[in-house]
Protein backbone atom coordinates (compact mmCIF):
# COMPACT_ATOMS: atom_id res chain seq x y z
CA MET A 1 -142.80 -154.67 -170.35
CA ASN A 2 -140.58 -155.21 -167.35
CA SER A 3 -139.67 -158.65 -168.71
CA LEU A 4 -138.63 -157.18 -172.06
CA ARG A 5 -136.61 -154.50 -170.33
CA LEU A 6 -134.86 -157.07 -168.15
CA SER A 7 -134.06 -159.21 -171.19
CA TYR A 8 -132.62 -156.14 -172.94
CA ILE A 9 -130.39 -155.32 -169.96
CA VAL A 10 -129.18 -158.94 -169.72
CA ASN A 11 -128.27 -158.93 -173.43
CA ILE A 12 -126.33 -155.70 -172.96
CA LEU A 13 -124.44 -157.18 -170.01
CA PHE A 14 -123.59 -160.33 -171.96
CA THR A 15 -122.32 -158.19 -174.85
CA ILE A 16 -120.08 -156.14 -172.52
CA VAL A 17 -118.67 -159.28 -170.90
CA ALA A 18 -118.00 -160.84 -174.30
CA LEU A 19 -116.18 -157.73 -175.49
CA LEU A 20 -114.09 -157.67 -172.32
CA MET A 21 -113.16 -161.32 -172.78
CA ILE A 22 -112.11 -160.69 -176.36
CA SER A 23 -110.01 -157.66 -175.40
CA CYS A 24 -108.27 -159.63 -172.64
CA SER A 25 -107.76 -162.84 -174.61
CA GLY A 26 -104.66 -161.65 -176.50
CA THR A 27 -101.09 -162.11 -175.30
CA ALA A 28 -98.41 -159.44 -175.02
CA PRO A 29 -95.52 -159.50 -177.51
CA VAL A 30 -92.01 -160.33 -176.29
CA ILE A 31 -88.54 -158.90 -176.93
CA ASP A 32 -86.64 -162.21 -176.87
CA GLU A 33 -83.16 -160.87 -177.58
CA MET A 34 -81.45 -157.62 -178.49
CA GLU A 35 -78.10 -156.81 -180.10
CA TRP A 36 -76.89 -153.22 -180.08
CA ARG A 37 -73.80 -151.17 -180.81
CA VAL A 38 -72.83 -147.50 -180.63
CA LEU A 39 -71.28 -146.61 -183.98
CA TYR A 40 -69.10 -143.67 -184.89
CA ARG A 41 -70.71 -142.53 -188.12
CA ASP A 42 -69.17 -140.63 -191.05
CA ASP A 43 -71.65 -140.09 -193.90
CA GLY A 44 -69.27 -137.99 -195.99
CA MET A 45 -70.65 -134.71 -194.65
CA HIS A 46 -71.01 -135.11 -190.90
CA ARG A 47 -69.64 -137.20 -188.05
CA TYR A 48 -71.92 -138.30 -185.24
CA GLU A 49 -72.89 -141.27 -183.08
CA GLU A 50 -75.48 -143.80 -184.16
CA LEU A 51 -77.13 -146.50 -182.06
CA SER A 52 -77.51 -149.64 -184.18
CA VAL A 53 -80.15 -152.05 -182.87
CA SER A 54 -81.41 -155.48 -183.95
CA LEU A 55 -84.05 -157.45 -182.05
CA ARG A 56 -85.50 -160.93 -182.05
CA LEU A 57 -89.23 -160.58 -181.42
CA SER A 58 -92.15 -162.92 -180.89
CA ASP A 59 -95.89 -162.68 -180.36
CA PRO A 60 -98.10 -165.69 -179.49
CA ASP A 61 -100.89 -163.96 -181.43
CA GLY A 62 -98.77 -164.00 -184.61
CA SER A 63 -96.18 -161.67 -186.12
CA GLU A 64 -98.94 -159.74 -187.89
CA ASP A 65 -100.02 -158.50 -184.44
CA LEU A 66 -96.73 -156.60 -183.92
CA ALA A 67 -97.10 -152.87 -184.50
CA MET A 68 -94.53 -150.46 -183.05
CA LEU A 69 -91.09 -150.15 -181.47
CA THR A 70 -90.32 -147.03 -179.44
CA ALA A 71 -86.97 -145.96 -177.97
CA THR A 72 -86.89 -143.42 -175.15
CA ALA A 73 -83.73 -141.79 -173.79
CA GLY A 74 -84.23 -141.48 -170.04
CA ASN A 75 -85.79 -138.18 -168.98
CA THR A 76 -84.34 -136.20 -171.89
CA GLY A 77 -87.65 -136.08 -173.76
CA PHE A 78 -85.98 -137.69 -176.81
CA VAL A 79 -88.16 -140.38 -178.36
CA TRP A 80 -87.66 -142.40 -181.55
CA ARG A 81 -90.71 -144.24 -182.96
CA PHE A 82 -90.47 -147.03 -185.53
CA PRO A 83 -93.71 -148.50 -186.92
CA LYS A 84 -93.49 -152.07 -188.20
CA ASP A 85 -93.18 -151.03 -191.85
CA GLU A 86 -89.83 -149.37 -191.03
CA TRP A 87 -88.26 -152.49 -189.52
CA ILE A 88 -85.60 -154.25 -191.57
CA THR A 89 -86.07 -158.03 -191.51
CA GLU A 90 -83.02 -160.29 -191.79
CA ALA A 91 -82.65 -164.04 -191.28
CA VAL A 92 -79.50 -165.17 -189.42
CA ALA A 93 -78.93 -168.93 -189.20
CA GLY A 94 -82.63 -169.42 -189.87
CA VAL A 95 -83.69 -167.02 -187.12
CA GLU A 96 -85.55 -163.83 -188.02
CA TRP A 97 -84.23 -160.53 -186.62
CA GLN A 98 -85.70 -157.05 -186.93
CA GLY A 99 -83.28 -154.19 -187.46
CA LEU A 100 -84.24 -150.60 -186.70
CA PRO A 101 -83.18 -147.56 -188.72
CA GLY A 102 -80.16 -145.96 -187.07
CA ILE A 103 -80.95 -144.03 -183.87
CA VAL A 104 -79.04 -140.75 -184.14
CA PRO A 105 -78.79 -137.71 -181.85
CA LEU A 106 -81.70 -135.29 -182.06
CA ASP A 107 -79.30 -132.56 -180.93
CA GLY A 108 -75.52 -132.40 -181.46
CA SER A 109 -73.29 -135.33 -182.44
CA ARG A 110 -73.37 -137.46 -179.26
CA LEU A 111 -76.19 -139.69 -178.07
CA PRO A 112 -77.52 -138.82 -174.59
CA ASP A 113 -75.66 -140.61 -171.79
CA THR A 114 -78.66 -142.20 -170.12
CA LEU A 115 -80.77 -145.34 -169.86
CA TYR A 116 -82.59 -146.25 -173.10
CA THR A 117 -85.93 -148.02 -172.88
CA PHE A 118 -87.15 -150.01 -175.88
CA ARG A 119 -90.89 -150.71 -175.88
CA LEU A 120 -92.54 -153.21 -178.23
CA GLU A 121 -96.30 -152.82 -178.76
CA ASP A 122 -98.89 -154.91 -180.55
CA LEU A 123 -102.04 -153.70 -182.28
CA ALA A 124 -104.02 -153.79 -179.01
CA GLY A 125 -101.40 -151.77 -177.11
CA ARG A 126 -100.01 -154.72 -175.12
CA SER A 127 -96.28 -154.30 -174.66
CA ASP A 128 -92.88 -155.54 -173.47
CA GLU A 129 -89.83 -153.46 -172.52
CA LEU A 130 -86.07 -153.83 -172.40
CA THR A 131 -83.43 -151.31 -171.28
CA ILE A 132 -79.79 -150.69 -172.19
CA ARG A 133 -77.17 -148.15 -171.15
CA PRO A 134 -74.31 -147.21 -173.52
CA ASP A 135 -70.92 -146.74 -171.82
CA PRO A 136 -70.81 -143.09 -170.66
CA ASP A 137 -66.98 -143.26 -170.74
CA ARG A 138 -66.82 -144.03 -174.46
CA SER A 139 -64.49 -141.82 -176.50
CA ALA A 140 -65.83 -138.54 -177.81
CA ILE A 141 -66.17 -138.02 -181.56
CA GLU A 142 -63.23 -135.62 -181.62
CA ASP A 143 -60.97 -138.06 -179.72
CA VAL A 144 -61.58 -141.10 -181.92
CA GLU A 145 -58.82 -142.40 -184.19
CA TRP A 146 -60.83 -142.45 -187.41
CA PRO A 147 -59.89 -144.90 -190.17
CA GLU A 148 -59.48 -143.62 -193.72
CA VAL A 149 -61.13 -145.64 -196.46
CA SER A 150 -61.50 -145.22 -200.21
CA ILE A 151 -62.08 -147.28 -203.34
CA VAL A 152 -59.81 -146.36 -206.25
CA ASP A 153 -59.65 -148.35 -209.49
CA ASP A 154 -61.69 -151.18 -207.93
CA VAL A 155 -59.26 -151.53 -205.02
CA LEU A 156 -60.19 -150.74 -201.41
CA ARG A 157 -57.69 -148.71 -199.42
CA LEU A 158 -57.93 -148.79 -195.62
CA LYS A 159 -55.57 -146.70 -193.51
CA GLY A 160 -55.35 -146.56 -189.74
CA GLU A 161 -55.12 -149.02 -186.87
CA TYR A 162 -57.93 -151.27 -188.12
CA ASP A 163 -57.09 -154.26 -190.31
CA TRP A 164 -60.45 -155.20 -191.82
CA GLY A 165 -64.12 -154.38 -192.10
CA MET A 166 -67.39 -155.48 -193.69
CA LEU A 167 -68.08 -153.83 -197.04
CA ILE A 168 -71.75 -153.38 -197.97
CA LEU A 169 -72.67 -152.69 -201.59
CA ARG A 170 -76.05 -150.95 -202.06
CA ASP A 171 -78.37 -150.18 -204.97
CA GLU A 172 -79.97 -146.85 -205.88
CA ASN A 173 -82.46 -147.25 -203.01
CA LEU A 174 -79.62 -148.05 -200.57
CA SER A 175 -80.84 -151.64 -200.26
CA PRO A 176 -77.94 -154.09 -199.71
CA LEU A 177 -76.79 -156.11 -202.71
CA ASP A 178 -73.70 -157.78 -201.27
CA ILE A 179 -71.71 -157.95 -198.03
CA GLN A 180 -68.09 -159.03 -197.93
CA LYS A 181 -65.15 -159.00 -195.55
CA VAL A 182 -62.37 -156.75 -196.85
CA SER A 183 -58.97 -155.37 -195.87
CA ASP A 184 -56.49 -152.94 -197.37
CA GLY A 185 -55.87 -153.94 -200.99
CA SER A 186 -59.03 -155.99 -201.46
CA GLY A 187 -60.49 -155.94 -204.94
CA VAL A 188 -64.03 -154.55 -205.23
CA THR A 189 -66.41 -155.11 -208.13
CA ALA A 190 -69.31 -152.68 -208.07
CA GLY A 191 -71.61 -154.72 -210.31
CA GLY A 192 -75.01 -153.03 -210.08
CA ALA A 193 -74.14 -151.19 -206.87
CA LEU A 194 -74.24 -147.39 -206.80
CA TRP A 195 -73.28 -146.92 -203.14
CA TRP A 196 -70.90 -148.54 -200.69
CA GLU A 197 -70.15 -148.35 -196.98
CA LEU A 198 -67.74 -149.98 -194.53
CA TRP A 199 -68.50 -151.25 -191.03
CA ILE A 200 -65.61 -151.81 -188.62
CA THR A 201 -66.21 -153.55 -185.30
CA LEU A 202 -64.24 -152.43 -182.26
CA GLU A 203 -63.19 -155.57 -180.42
CA ASN A 204 -64.23 -156.09 -176.78
CA THR A 205 -66.55 -153.08 -176.83
CA SER A 206 -70.12 -152.37 -177.87
CA GLY A 207 -68.87 -149.93 -180.51
CA GLY A 208 -67.63 -149.60 -184.05
CA PHE A 209 -67.47 -147.42 -187.17
CA ARG A 210 -69.96 -146.99 -189.98
CA LEU A 211 -68.37 -145.16 -192.90
CA GLY A 212 -70.70 -144.19 -195.73
CA PRO A 213 -72.72 -144.77 -197.74
CA TYR A 214 -70.52 -143.19 -200.39
CA PRO A 215 -71.23 -143.15 -204.15
CA PHE A 216 -69.14 -145.23 -206.54
């Protein structure tokens, strides 16, 4: 009886050890690179800041092991969570990047002036972190020299101090159909697009404008 009991205990111990080895055998995911920009956003109804983020991610256990990206704004209590099915995958020069939906203020029109921590988690909860800090001296929404843009009779009109931008044509689900560099007077063919927006990069800063999407 004692022998059977001892054998039972040994089997339990082996099972626990095996489970521990399995749980510890995985490898944490990695944020390899991050590109970000604070955009001044005009959606046709409101103006506010938006943090645009794209990341290059890797996981030795396979991309299917990636699960969640979380952004936390310092000690403000503001948290943005993006499960994997919300990431926007794009290949640039053969390298896969993951874009996040725009991070916008949870209160007011300006993003909190603090340190942002981005945390990547896999299915087992293993993680990697990276931090950024937007320039606290960036211009306020009300002090920005906003460009004026419109499309009339298939011609783009751009007024203001900015010479060009990237025009994105989108379908009914706001998925991109075409991206092209445009300036004042550029011809625009809608094709199957129902929405359009214009991105303007501010040189030598981590900022820019995102105007739209507007309906054709």
